[in-house]
N, C-alpha and C. Protein backbone atom coordinates (compact mmCIF):
# COMPACT_ATOMS: atom_id res chain seq x y z
N MET A 1 100.77 112.06 102.02
CA MET A 1 100.33 111.22 103.13
C MET A 1 101.55 110.78 103.94
N THR A 2 101.41 110.78 105.25
CA THR A 2 102.49 110.35 106.11
C THR A 2 102.00 109.22 107.01
N ALA A 3 102.65 108.08 106.93
CA ALA A 3 102.24 106.93 107.72
C ALA A 3 102.75 107.04 109.14
N PRO A 4 101.93 106.67 110.15
CA PRO A 4 102.37 106.73 111.53
C PRO A 4 103.25 105.56 111.91
N SER A 5 103.41 104.60 111.03
CA SER A 5 104.23 103.42 111.29
C SER A 5 104.84 102.94 109.99
N ARG A 6 105.62 101.87 110.08
CA ARG A 6 106.33 101.39 108.90
C ARG A 6 105.44 100.50 108.04
N LEU A 7 105.55 100.74 106.74
CA LEU A 7 104.82 99.95 105.76
C LEU A 7 105.87 99.26 104.88
N PHE A 8 105.90 97.93 104.93
CA PHE A 8 106.81 97.15 104.10
C PHE A 8 106.03 96.65 102.89
N ILE A 9 106.39 97.12 101.70
CA ILE A 9 105.67 96.78 100.48
C ILE A 9 106.55 95.89 99.61
N ALA A 10 106.06 94.69 99.32
CA ALA A 10 106.81 93.73 98.52
C ALA A 10 106.11 93.48 97.19
N ARG A 11 106.90 93.36 96.14
CA ARG A 11 106.37 92.94 94.84
C ARG A 11 106.55 91.42 94.76
N HIS A 12 105.48 90.73 94.42
CA HIS A 12 105.52 89.27 94.37
C HIS A 12 106.63 88.74 93.46
N GLY A 13 106.95 87.46 93.62
CA GLY A 13 107.97 86.83 92.79
C GLY A 13 107.49 86.55 91.38
N GLU A 14 108.43 86.17 90.54
CA GLU A 14 108.13 85.87 89.13
C GLU A 14 107.08 84.77 89.00
N THR A 15 106.21 84.93 87.99
CA THR A 15 105.16 83.94 87.74
C THR A 15 105.35 83.28 86.38
N VAL A 16 104.53 82.27 86.13
CA VAL A 16 104.58 81.60 84.83
C VAL A 16 104.18 82.55 83.71
N PHE A 17 103.29 83.51 84.00
CA PHE A 17 102.93 84.50 83.00
C PHE A 17 104.10 85.44 82.72
N ASN A 18 104.80 85.87 83.77
CA ASN A 18 105.98 86.71 83.58
C ASN A 18 106.99 85.99 82.70
N ALA A 19 107.26 84.74 83.01
CA ALA A 19 108.28 83.98 82.28
C ALA A 19 107.89 83.78 80.82
N ALA A 20 106.60 83.69 80.55
CA ALA A 20 106.11 83.47 79.18
C ALA A 20 105.82 84.77 78.44
N ALA A 21 106.08 85.92 79.09
CA ALA A 21 105.82 87.24 78.49
C ALA A 21 104.35 87.42 78.14
N ARG A 22 103.49 87.07 79.10
CA ARG A 22 102.05 87.30 78.96
C ARG A 22 101.63 88.45 79.87
N LEU A 23 100.65 89.21 79.42
CA LEU A 23 100.06 90.27 80.24
C LEU A 23 99.14 89.62 81.27
N GLN A 24 99.48 89.73 82.56
CA GLN A 24 98.64 89.05 83.54
C GLN A 24 97.67 89.99 84.25
N GLY A 25 98.05 91.24 84.49
CA GLY A 25 97.12 92.19 85.09
C GLY A 25 96.45 91.62 86.33
N ASP A 26 95.10 91.72 86.38
CA ASP A 26 94.38 91.27 87.56
C ASP A 26 93.95 89.81 87.46
N HIS A 27 94.62 89.01 86.64
CA HIS A 27 94.33 87.58 86.55
C HIS A 27 94.41 87.00 87.96
N PRO A 28 93.41 86.22 88.39
CA PRO A 28 93.33 85.80 89.79
C PRO A 28 94.45 84.86 90.25
N HIS A 29 94.95 84.00 89.36
CA HIS A 29 95.99 83.10 89.83
C HIS A 29 96.94 82.71 88.71
N THR A 30 98.16 83.22 88.80
CA THR A 30 99.23 82.83 87.89
C THR A 30 100.38 82.36 88.78
N PRO A 31 100.62 81.07 88.89
CA PRO A 31 101.53 80.52 89.89
C PRO A 31 102.97 81.04 89.75
N LEU A 32 103.68 81.05 90.88
CA LEU A 32 105.08 81.43 90.88
C LEU A 32 105.92 80.37 90.18
N THR A 33 106.99 80.81 89.54
CA THR A 33 107.99 79.89 89.00
C THR A 33 108.98 79.55 90.12
N ARG A 34 109.93 78.67 89.83
CA ARG A 34 110.96 78.36 90.83
C ARG A 34 111.76 79.61 91.17
N ASP A 35 112.02 80.44 90.15
CA ASP A 35 112.70 81.72 90.44
C ASP A 35 111.84 82.60 91.33
N GLY A 36 110.53 82.59 91.10
CA GLY A 36 109.61 83.38 91.92
C GLY A 36 109.62 82.94 93.37
N PHE A 37 109.64 81.62 93.59
CA PHE A 37 109.72 81.12 94.96
C PHE A 37 111.04 81.53 95.60
N ALA A 38 112.12 81.49 94.83
CA ALA A 38 113.43 81.88 95.36
C ALA A 38 113.44 83.37 95.74
N GLN A 39 112.81 84.19 94.92
CA GLN A 39 112.74 85.63 95.22
C GLN A 39 111.96 85.88 96.50
N ALA A 40 110.83 85.18 96.66
CA ALA A 40 110.04 85.32 97.89
C ALA A 40 110.85 84.84 99.09
N ASP A 41 111.59 83.77 98.91
CA ASP A 41 112.43 83.22 99.97
C ASP A 41 113.48 84.24 100.41
N GLU A 42 114.09 84.90 99.44
CA GLU A 42 115.13 85.90 99.75
C GLU A 42 114.53 87.11 100.46
N MET A 43 113.35 87.56 100.03
CA MET A 43 112.71 88.69 100.70
C MET A 43 112.35 88.34 102.14
N GLY A 44 111.83 87.12 102.33
CA GLY A 44 111.47 86.70 103.67
C GLY A 44 112.68 86.62 104.59
N ALA A 45 113.78 86.07 104.07
CA ALA A 45 115.00 85.97 104.87
C ALA A 45 115.54 87.36 105.20
N MET A 46 115.52 88.26 104.24
CA MET A 46 116.02 89.61 104.45
C MET A 46 115.19 90.34 105.51
N LEU A 47 113.87 90.22 105.42
CA LEU A 47 113.02 90.91 106.37
C LEU A 47 113.13 90.31 107.76
N SER A 48 113.26 88.98 107.83
CA SER A 48 113.44 88.33 109.12
C SER A 48 114.75 88.76 109.78
N HIS A 49 115.79 88.89 108.99
CA HIS A 49 117.08 89.35 109.52
C HIS A 49 116.96 90.77 110.06
N ARG A 50 116.17 91.58 109.38
CA ARG A 50 116.04 92.98 109.79
C ARG A 50 115.16 93.14 111.03
N LEU A 51 114.07 92.38 111.11
CA LEU A 51 113.08 92.56 112.16
C LEU A 51 113.21 91.57 113.30
N GLY A 52 113.88 90.44 113.06
CA GLY A 52 113.96 89.41 114.09
C GLY A 52 112.76 88.48 114.02
N PRO A 53 112.77 87.42 114.85
CA PRO A 53 111.68 86.44 114.80
C PRO A 53 110.38 86.98 115.37
N ASN A 54 109.28 86.53 114.80
CA ASN A 54 107.94 86.88 115.27
C ASN A 54 107.73 88.38 115.48
N PRO A 55 108.01 89.18 114.46
CA PRO A 55 107.83 90.63 114.64
C PRO A 55 106.36 90.99 114.85
N ASP A 56 106.12 92.09 115.50
CA ASP A 56 104.77 92.57 115.74
C ASP A 56 104.32 93.35 114.51
N MET A 57 103.70 92.64 113.60
CA MET A 57 103.25 93.29 112.36
C MET A 57 102.03 92.56 111.82
N THR A 58 101.20 93.27 111.08
CA THR A 58 100.06 92.66 110.43
C THR A 58 100.40 92.35 108.99
N LEU A 59 99.75 91.34 108.44
CA LEU A 59 100.02 90.87 107.09
C LEU A 59 98.85 91.22 106.17
N TRP A 60 99.20 91.81 105.04
CA TRP A 60 98.21 92.19 104.03
C TRP A 60 98.66 91.66 102.68
N SER A 61 97.71 91.33 101.84
CA SER A 61 98.05 90.85 100.51
C SER A 61 96.94 91.15 99.51
N SER A 62 97.36 91.38 98.29
CA SER A 62 96.43 91.30 97.17
C SER A 62 95.77 89.92 97.21
N SER A 63 94.56 89.83 96.73
CA SER A 63 93.84 88.55 96.72
C SER A 63 94.31 87.62 95.60
N ALA A 64 95.23 88.08 94.76
CA ALA A 64 95.75 87.24 93.67
C ALA A 64 96.63 86.12 94.22
N GLY A 65 96.54 84.95 93.60
CA GLY A 65 97.27 83.79 94.09
C GLY A 65 98.77 84.00 94.18
N ARG A 66 99.35 84.71 93.22
CA ARG A 66 100.80 84.89 93.21
C ARG A 66 101.26 85.73 94.41
N ALA A 67 100.44 86.68 94.82
CA ALA A 67 100.77 87.48 96.00
C ALA A 67 100.63 86.64 97.26
N LEU A 68 99.59 85.80 97.33
CA LEU A 68 99.38 84.96 98.49
C LEU A 68 100.47 83.90 98.61
N GLN A 69 100.95 83.38 97.49
CA GLN A 69 102.07 82.44 97.53
C GLN A 69 103.33 83.12 98.06
N THR A 70 103.58 84.31 97.57
CA THR A 70 104.75 85.07 98.04
C THR A 70 104.65 85.32 99.54
N LEU A 71 103.47 85.71 99.99
CA LEU A 71 103.27 85.98 101.40
C LEU A 71 103.49 84.73 102.25
N ALA A 72 103.04 83.59 101.77
CA ALA A 72 103.20 82.35 102.55
C ALA A 72 104.67 82.07 102.86
N ILE A 73 105.52 82.28 101.86
CA ILE A 73 106.96 82.03 102.05
C ILE A 73 107.56 83.06 102.99
N MET A 74 107.21 84.31 102.82
CA MET A 74 107.75 85.36 103.67
C MET A 74 107.27 85.20 105.12
N ALA A 75 106.00 84.85 105.29
CA ALA A 75 105.45 84.68 106.63
C ALA A 75 106.14 83.55 107.36
N GLU A 76 106.50 82.50 106.64
CA GLU A 76 107.22 81.38 107.27
C GLU A 76 108.56 81.85 107.82
N HIS A 77 109.28 82.66 107.07
CA HIS A 77 110.56 83.20 107.54
C HIS A 77 110.36 84.04 108.80
N LEU A 78 109.28 84.80 108.84
CA LEU A 78 109.03 85.72 109.94
C LEU A 78 108.44 85.02 111.17
N GLY A 79 108.01 83.78 110.99
CA GLY A 79 107.37 83.07 112.08
C GLY A 79 105.95 83.57 112.34
N LEU A 80 105.32 84.11 111.30
CA LEU A 80 103.96 84.63 111.42
C LEU A 80 102.96 83.71 110.72
N ASP A 81 101.72 83.80 111.11
CA ASP A 81 100.67 82.91 110.63
C ASP A 81 100.04 83.45 109.35
N TRP A 82 100.27 82.77 108.25
CA TRP A 82 99.70 83.17 106.96
C TRP A 82 98.18 83.28 107.04
N HIS A 83 97.57 82.44 107.85
CA HIS A 83 96.12 82.42 107.96
C HIS A 83 95.57 83.66 108.64
N GLN A 84 96.44 84.43 109.29
CA GLN A 84 96.01 85.67 109.93
C GLN A 84 96.10 86.87 108.99
N ALA A 85 96.57 86.63 107.77
CA ALA A 85 96.69 87.72 106.80
C ALA A 85 95.32 88.15 106.29
N THR A 86 95.22 89.40 105.89
CA THR A 86 94.00 89.93 105.29
C THR A 86 94.22 90.10 103.79
N HIS A 87 93.32 89.55 103.00
CA HIS A 87 93.39 89.67 101.54
C HIS A 87 92.45 90.78 101.11
N ASP A 88 92.92 91.64 100.24
CA ASP A 88 92.11 92.79 99.85
C ASP A 88 92.19 93.01 98.34
N ASP A 89 91.03 93.03 97.69
CA ASP A 89 90.97 93.21 96.24
C ASP A 89 91.49 94.58 95.81
N ARG A 90 91.52 95.54 96.70
CA ARG A 90 92.01 96.87 96.35
C ARG A 90 93.51 96.89 96.12
N LEU A 91 94.20 95.81 96.47
CA LEU A 91 95.65 95.72 96.30
C LEU A 91 96.05 94.95 95.04
N VAL A 92 95.08 94.53 94.23
CA VAL A 92 95.40 93.73 93.05
C VAL A 92 96.07 94.57 91.97
N GLU A 93 96.52 93.88 90.93
CA GLU A 93 97.21 94.54 89.84
C GLU A 93 96.22 95.27 88.91
N ILE A 94 96.77 96.12 88.05
CA ILE A 94 95.98 96.85 87.08
C ILE A 94 95.13 95.88 86.26
N GLY A 95 93.86 96.22 86.08
CA GLY A 95 92.99 95.40 85.24
C GLY A 95 93.28 95.65 83.77
N MET A 96 93.61 94.59 83.03
CA MET A 96 94.01 94.74 81.63
C MET A 96 92.90 94.42 80.63
N GLY A 97 91.70 94.23 81.12
CA GLY A 97 90.58 94.00 80.20
C GLY A 97 90.83 92.85 79.24
N SER A 98 90.50 93.06 77.96
CA SER A 98 90.64 92.00 76.96
C SER A 98 92.09 91.69 76.61
N TRP A 99 93.03 92.53 77.05
CA TRP A 99 94.45 92.23 76.83
C TRP A 99 94.98 91.24 77.85
N GLY A 100 94.30 91.07 78.95
CA GLY A 100 94.79 90.23 80.02
C GLY A 100 94.96 88.78 79.59
N GLY A 101 96.10 88.19 79.94
CA GLY A 101 96.38 86.80 79.62
C GLY A 101 97.01 86.58 78.25
N ARG A 102 97.01 87.61 77.41
CA ARG A 102 97.56 87.47 76.05
C ARG A 102 99.06 87.72 76.06
N TYR A 103 99.74 87.21 75.06
CA TYR A 103 101.17 87.46 74.92
C TYR A 103 101.39 88.93 74.59
N TYR A 104 102.41 89.51 75.23
CA TYR A 104 102.78 90.89 74.92
C TYR A 104 102.94 91.07 73.41
N ALA A 105 103.68 90.15 72.77
CA ALA A 105 104.00 90.28 71.35
C ALA A 105 102.75 90.36 70.49
N ASP A 106 101.73 89.57 70.83
CA ASP A 106 100.50 89.56 70.04
C ASP A 106 99.75 90.89 70.17
N VAL A 107 99.69 91.42 71.40
CA VAL A 107 99.01 92.70 71.60
C VAL A 107 99.77 93.83 70.92
N VAL A 108 101.09 93.81 71.03
CA VAL A 108 101.92 94.83 70.39
C VAL A 108 101.73 94.80 68.87
N ALA A 109 101.61 93.61 68.30
CA ALA A 109 101.41 93.49 66.85
C ALA A 109 100.10 94.14 66.41
N GLU A 110 99.13 94.16 67.30
CA GLU A 110 97.82 94.73 66.96
C GLU A 110 97.74 96.23 67.23
N VAL A 111 98.28 96.68 68.36
CA VAL A 111 98.03 98.06 68.79
C VAL A 111 99.31 98.90 68.96
N GLY A 112 100.47 98.29 68.78
CA GLY A 112 101.71 99.02 69.02
C GLY A 112 102.20 98.82 70.44
N PRO A 113 103.21 99.55 70.86
CA PRO A 113 103.82 99.36 72.19
C PRO A 113 102.80 99.47 73.32
N VAL A 114 102.93 98.58 74.30
CA VAL A 114 102.05 98.62 75.46
C VAL A 114 102.81 98.99 76.73
N VAL A 115 104.12 99.19 76.61
CA VAL A 115 104.94 99.65 77.74
C VAL A 115 105.54 101.00 77.36
N GLU A 116 105.28 102.02 78.15
CA GLU A 116 105.80 103.35 77.87
C GLU A 116 107.32 103.36 78.05
N THR A 117 108.02 103.94 77.07
CA THR A 117 109.48 103.91 77.07
C THR A 117 110.07 104.62 78.27
N GLU A 118 109.57 105.81 78.58
CA GLU A 118 110.18 106.62 79.65
C GLU A 118 109.79 106.14 81.03
N THR A 119 108.53 105.86 81.26
CA THR A 119 108.06 105.51 82.61
C THR A 119 108.07 104.01 82.88
N ARG A 120 108.12 103.19 81.82
CA ARG A 120 108.02 101.74 81.92
C ARG A 120 106.69 101.31 82.53
N LEU A 121 105.66 102.11 82.30
CA LEU A 121 104.32 101.77 82.74
C LEU A 121 103.55 101.08 81.63
N LEU A 122 102.62 100.22 82.02
CA LEU A 122 101.75 99.59 81.05
C LEU A 122 100.73 100.60 80.52
N LYS A 123 100.50 100.55 79.23
CA LYS A 123 99.44 101.35 78.62
C LYS A 123 98.10 100.72 79.00
N PRO A 124 97.16 101.49 79.54
CA PRO A 124 95.86 100.91 79.88
C PRO A 124 95.15 100.38 78.63
N ALA A 125 94.51 99.24 78.78
CA ALA A 125 93.72 98.69 77.68
C ALA A 125 92.46 99.51 77.51
N PRO A 126 91.89 99.55 76.29
CA PRO A 126 90.67 100.33 76.05
C PRO A 126 89.53 99.95 77.00
N ASP A 127 89.44 98.67 77.36
CA ASP A 127 88.39 98.21 78.28
C ASP A 127 88.98 97.84 79.64
N GLY A 128 90.18 98.37 79.92
CA GLY A 128 90.85 98.06 81.17
C GLY A 128 90.72 99.15 82.21
N GLU A 129 91.62 99.13 83.17
CA GLU A 129 91.57 100.05 84.30
C GLU A 129 92.53 101.21 84.08
N SER A 130 92.11 102.39 84.48
CA SER A 130 92.96 103.57 84.36
C SER A 130 93.83 103.71 85.61
N TYR A 131 94.87 104.53 85.50
CA TYR A 131 95.73 104.78 86.66
C TYR A 131 94.99 105.56 87.74
N ALA A 132 94.05 106.39 87.35
CA ALA A 132 93.23 107.10 88.33
C ALA A 132 92.38 106.11 89.13
N ASP A 133 91.89 105.07 88.45
CA ASP A 133 91.12 104.03 89.13
C ASP A 133 91.99 103.32 90.17
N ILE A 134 93.22 103.01 89.78
CA ILE A 134 94.13 102.31 90.69
C ILE A 134 94.43 103.19 91.90
N ALA A 135 94.74 104.46 91.64
CA ALA A 135 95.05 105.38 92.72
C ALA A 135 93.89 105.50 93.70
N ALA A 136 92.68 105.50 93.18
CA ALA A 136 91.50 105.63 94.04
C ALA A 136 91.37 104.43 94.96
N ARG A 137 91.55 103.23 94.42
CA ARG A 137 91.34 102.04 95.27
C ARG A 137 92.48 101.84 96.27
N VAL A 138 93.74 102.05 95.86
CA VAL A 138 94.83 101.85 96.82
C VAL A 138 94.82 102.95 97.88
N SER A 139 94.41 104.17 97.50
CA SER A 139 94.30 105.25 98.48
C SER A 139 93.19 104.96 99.47
N HIS A 140 92.11 104.37 98.99
CA HIS A 140 90.99 104.01 99.87
C HIS A 140 91.44 102.94 100.86
N TRP A 141 92.21 101.96 100.38
CA TRP A 141 92.74 100.93 101.29
C TRP A 141 93.62 101.58 102.35
N TYR A 142 94.52 102.47 101.92
CA TYR A 142 95.44 103.09 102.87
C TYR A 142 94.69 103.95 103.89
N ALA A 143 93.71 104.69 103.45
CA ALA A 143 92.95 105.54 104.37
C ALA A 143 92.23 104.70 105.41
N GLU A 144 91.79 103.50 105.02
CA GLU A 144 91.05 102.64 105.93
C GLU A 144 91.95 101.84 106.86
N HIS A 145 93.09 101.39 106.33
CA HIS A 145 93.92 100.45 107.09
C HIS A 145 95.37 100.90 107.30
N GLY A 146 95.90 101.66 106.36
CA GLY A 146 97.33 101.99 106.42
C GLY A 146 97.72 102.92 107.52
N THR A 147 96.78 103.71 108.02
CA THR A 147 97.10 104.70 109.04
C THR A 147 96.95 104.16 110.46
N THR A 148 96.50 102.92 110.61
CA THR A 148 96.39 102.35 111.95
C THR A 148 97.79 102.06 112.49
N PRO A 149 98.00 102.12 113.80
CA PRO A 149 99.33 101.91 114.37
C PRO A 149 99.87 100.51 114.10
N GLY A 150 101.19 100.40 114.03
CA GLY A 150 101.84 99.11 113.87
C GLY A 150 102.39 98.88 112.48
N ASP A 151 103.44 98.06 112.42
CA ASP A 151 104.05 97.72 111.14
C ASP A 151 103.13 96.83 110.32
N LYS A 152 103.25 96.96 108.99
CA LYS A 152 102.44 96.16 108.08
C LYS A 152 103.31 95.65 106.94
N LEU A 153 103.14 94.39 106.59
CA LEU A 153 103.75 93.82 105.39
C LEU A 153 102.65 93.69 104.36
N VAL A 154 102.86 94.29 103.18
CA VAL A 154 101.84 94.32 102.13
C VAL A 154 102.43 93.72 100.85
N ILE A 155 101.83 92.65 100.36
CA ILE A 155 102.31 92.00 99.14
C ILE A 155 101.43 92.46 97.98
N MET A 156 102.10 93.06 96.97
CA MET A 156 101.36 93.65 95.86
C MET A 156 101.99 93.27 94.52
N HIS A 157 101.80 94.14 93.54
CA HIS A 157 102.18 93.88 92.16
C HIS A 157 102.99 95.06 91.60
N GLY A 158 103.48 94.88 90.39
CA GLY A 158 104.35 95.90 89.80
C GLY A 158 103.70 97.26 89.67
N ILE A 159 102.55 97.33 89.00
CA ILE A 159 101.91 98.61 88.74
C ILE A 159 101.19 99.14 89.98
N SER A 160 100.38 98.30 90.61
CA SER A 160 99.60 98.79 91.75
C SER A 160 100.51 99.25 92.90
N SER A 161 101.64 98.57 93.11
CA SER A 161 102.56 99.00 94.17
C SER A 161 103.23 100.32 93.82
N ARG A 162 103.50 100.54 92.54
CA ARG A 162 104.09 101.80 92.12
C ARG A 162 103.14 102.97 92.39
N VAL A 163 101.86 102.73 92.16
CA VAL A 163 100.88 103.79 92.41
C VAL A 163 100.74 104.05 93.91
N LEU A 164 100.63 102.99 94.71
CA LEU A 164 100.53 103.17 96.15
C LEU A 164 101.77 103.89 96.69
N ARG A 165 102.94 103.49 96.25
CA ARG A 165 104.17 104.14 96.71
C ARG A 165 104.18 105.61 96.30
N GLY A 166 103.74 105.88 95.08
CA GLY A 166 103.70 107.26 94.62
C GLY A 166 102.78 108.12 95.48
N VAL A 167 101.64 107.56 95.85
CA VAL A 167 100.70 108.28 96.72
C VAL A 167 101.31 108.53 98.09
N LEU A 168 101.92 107.49 98.68
CA LEU A 168 102.48 107.62 100.03
C LEU A 168 103.68 108.54 100.08
N LEU A 169 104.42 108.60 98.97
CA LEU A 169 105.60 109.47 98.92
C LEU A 169 105.26 110.88 98.47
N ASP A 170 103.97 111.10 98.17
CA ASP A 170 103.49 112.43 97.76
C ASP A 170 104.24 112.95 96.53
N LEU A 171 104.43 112.06 95.56
CA LEU A 171 105.12 112.45 94.33
C LEU A 171 104.18 113.28 93.45
N ASP A 172 104.78 114.01 92.52
CA ASP A 172 103.98 114.78 91.57
C ASP A 172 103.25 113.83 90.61
N PRO A 173 102.03 114.16 90.24
CA PRO A 173 101.30 113.33 89.29
C PRO A 173 102.03 113.25 87.94
N LEU A 174 101.99 112.10 87.31
CA LEU A 174 102.55 111.98 85.97
C LEU A 174 101.61 112.64 84.97
N PRO A 175 102.13 113.44 84.05
CA PRO A 175 101.27 114.20 83.14
C PRO A 175 100.27 113.35 82.36
N ASN A 176 100.67 112.19 81.89
CA ASN A 176 99.79 111.38 81.05
C ASN A 176 98.75 110.60 81.84
N HIS A 177 98.95 110.51 83.15
CA HIS A 177 98.06 109.65 83.95
C HIS A 177 97.36 110.39 85.07
N GLY A 178 97.87 111.55 85.46
CA GLY A 178 97.20 112.37 86.45
C GLY A 178 97.30 111.91 87.88
N VAL A 179 98.13 110.90 88.15
CA VAL A 179 98.31 110.40 89.50
C VAL A 179 99.80 110.18 89.75
N PRO A 180 100.24 110.19 91.01
CA PRO A 180 101.65 109.94 91.31
C PRO A 180 101.99 108.47 91.15
N VAL A 181 103.13 108.20 90.53
CA VAL A 181 103.59 106.82 90.33
C VAL A 181 105.08 106.77 90.64
N ALA A 182 105.48 105.87 91.54
CA ALA A 182 106.88 105.74 91.92
C ALA A 182 107.65 104.97 90.86
N PRO A 183 108.97 105.10 90.84
CA PRO A 183 109.79 104.33 89.90
C PRO A 183 109.58 102.83 90.08
N GLY A 184 109.72 102.10 88.98
CA GLY A 184 109.50 100.66 89.03
C GLY A 184 110.63 99.91 89.70
N LEU A 185 110.30 98.74 90.23
CA LEU A 185 111.26 97.84 90.84
C LEU A 185 111.02 96.43 90.30
N PRO A 186 112.06 95.60 90.20
CA PRO A 186 111.89 94.24 89.67
C PRO A 186 111.05 93.37 90.60
N GLN A 187 110.58 92.27 90.07
CA GLN A 187 109.89 91.29 90.90
C GLN A 187 110.83 90.84 92.02
N GLY A 188 110.24 90.59 93.19
CA GLY A 188 111.05 90.17 94.33
C GLY A 188 111.71 91.33 95.05
N SER A 189 111.18 92.56 94.88
CA SER A 189 111.74 93.73 95.56
C SER A 189 110.90 94.09 96.78
N LEU A 190 111.57 94.68 97.77
CA LEU A 190 110.92 95.04 99.03
C LEU A 190 111.38 96.42 99.46
N VAL A 191 110.43 97.29 99.79
CA VAL A 191 110.74 98.63 100.27
C VAL A 191 110.07 98.85 101.63
N MET A 192 110.57 99.83 102.36
CA MET A 192 109.95 100.27 103.59
C MET A 192 109.63 101.75 103.46
N ILE A 193 108.40 102.12 103.81
CA ILE A 193 108.01 103.53 103.83
C ILE A 193 107.69 103.91 105.27
N GLU A 194 108.39 104.93 105.75
CA GLU A 194 108.20 105.42 107.12
C GLU A 194 108.26 106.93 107.09
N ASP A 195 107.22 107.57 107.64
CA ASP A 195 107.16 109.03 107.69
C ASP A 195 107.36 109.66 106.31
N GLY A 196 106.79 109.04 105.28
CA GLY A 196 106.85 109.58 103.94
C GLY A 196 108.18 109.41 103.24
N VAL A 197 109.06 108.60 103.79
CA VAL A 197 110.38 108.35 103.20
C VAL A 197 110.51 106.86 102.87
N GLU A 198 110.97 106.58 101.66
CA GLU A 198 111.11 105.19 101.21
C GLU A 198 112.56 104.72 101.33
N THR A 199 112.72 103.50 101.86
CA THR A 199 114.02 102.85 101.94
C THR A 199 113.94 101.53 101.19
N LEU A 200 114.89 101.30 100.29
CA LEU A 200 114.93 100.03 99.56
C LEU A 200 115.56 98.97 100.46
N ILE A 201 114.78 97.96 100.81
CA ILE A 201 115.28 96.87 101.65
C ILE A 201 115.96 95.81 100.80
N MET A 202 115.35 95.51 99.65
CA MET A 202 115.92 94.50 98.76
C MET A 202 115.46 94.76 97.34
N GLU A 203 116.39 94.77 96.41
CA GLU A 203 116.04 94.87 94.99
C GLU A 203 116.08 93.48 94.39
N GLY A 204 114.94 93.04 93.88
CA GLY A 204 114.86 91.70 93.32
C GLY A 204 115.58 91.55 92.01
N ASP A 205 115.64 90.31 91.54
CA ASP A 205 116.33 90.04 90.28
C ASP A 205 115.35 89.59 89.19
N GLY A 206 114.04 89.86 89.43
CA GLY A 206 113.04 89.49 88.44
C GLY A 206 112.93 90.52 87.33
N GLY A 207 112.03 90.29 86.41
CA GLY A 207 111.84 91.21 85.30
C GLY A 207 110.92 92.35 85.68
N GLU A 208 110.60 93.19 84.70
CA GLU A 208 109.76 94.37 84.98
C GLU A 208 108.32 94.18 84.55
N ARG A 209 108.03 93.12 83.79
CA ARG A 209 106.67 92.96 83.27
C ARG A 209 105.68 92.80 84.39
N ALA A 210 104.56 93.51 84.32
CA ALA A 210 103.56 93.47 85.38
C ALA A 210 102.56 92.35 85.16
């Protein structure tokens, strides 16, 4: 897929679940920590420096509270109206089913490793969402909205953003998951995708847990 305009994809800042090593997945609201607010602040400042005040861009966000909090801080830096943003459930994080909200350590004690060593991807829960499911929903969002003219800022999550980036960059599908997945980035990271090419705008200093 090749976008006709620039897509700025940000991973939200650190949350209380991240700090406590809990699996948050598609949990609707896990508030940002002070570090998370600082990461969002840095992304907003970086993007404002790059684009200038009041850039002509639309705002998109996962409907999860942590993404909306991140967007609020970034929008303030850009001089854009948070209330004009569109929230879309198709941009949320991987659904973790009955593992969601539990401590990583407790789930690992029951079922073994839940993070793949080589890819650093979360293992889908038995009653959770597959990577094919994620690829289908983020691709549907992009087909409906991503190809319209104009720059877009999209606030997402660790796993779901990796899948969307993989789709947009036309990467080869991962053998175990059957869909393209881009390399992971820490919380508070921001990339730009233009004409099928990704540029790292800012690498955050958060952890990798999704």
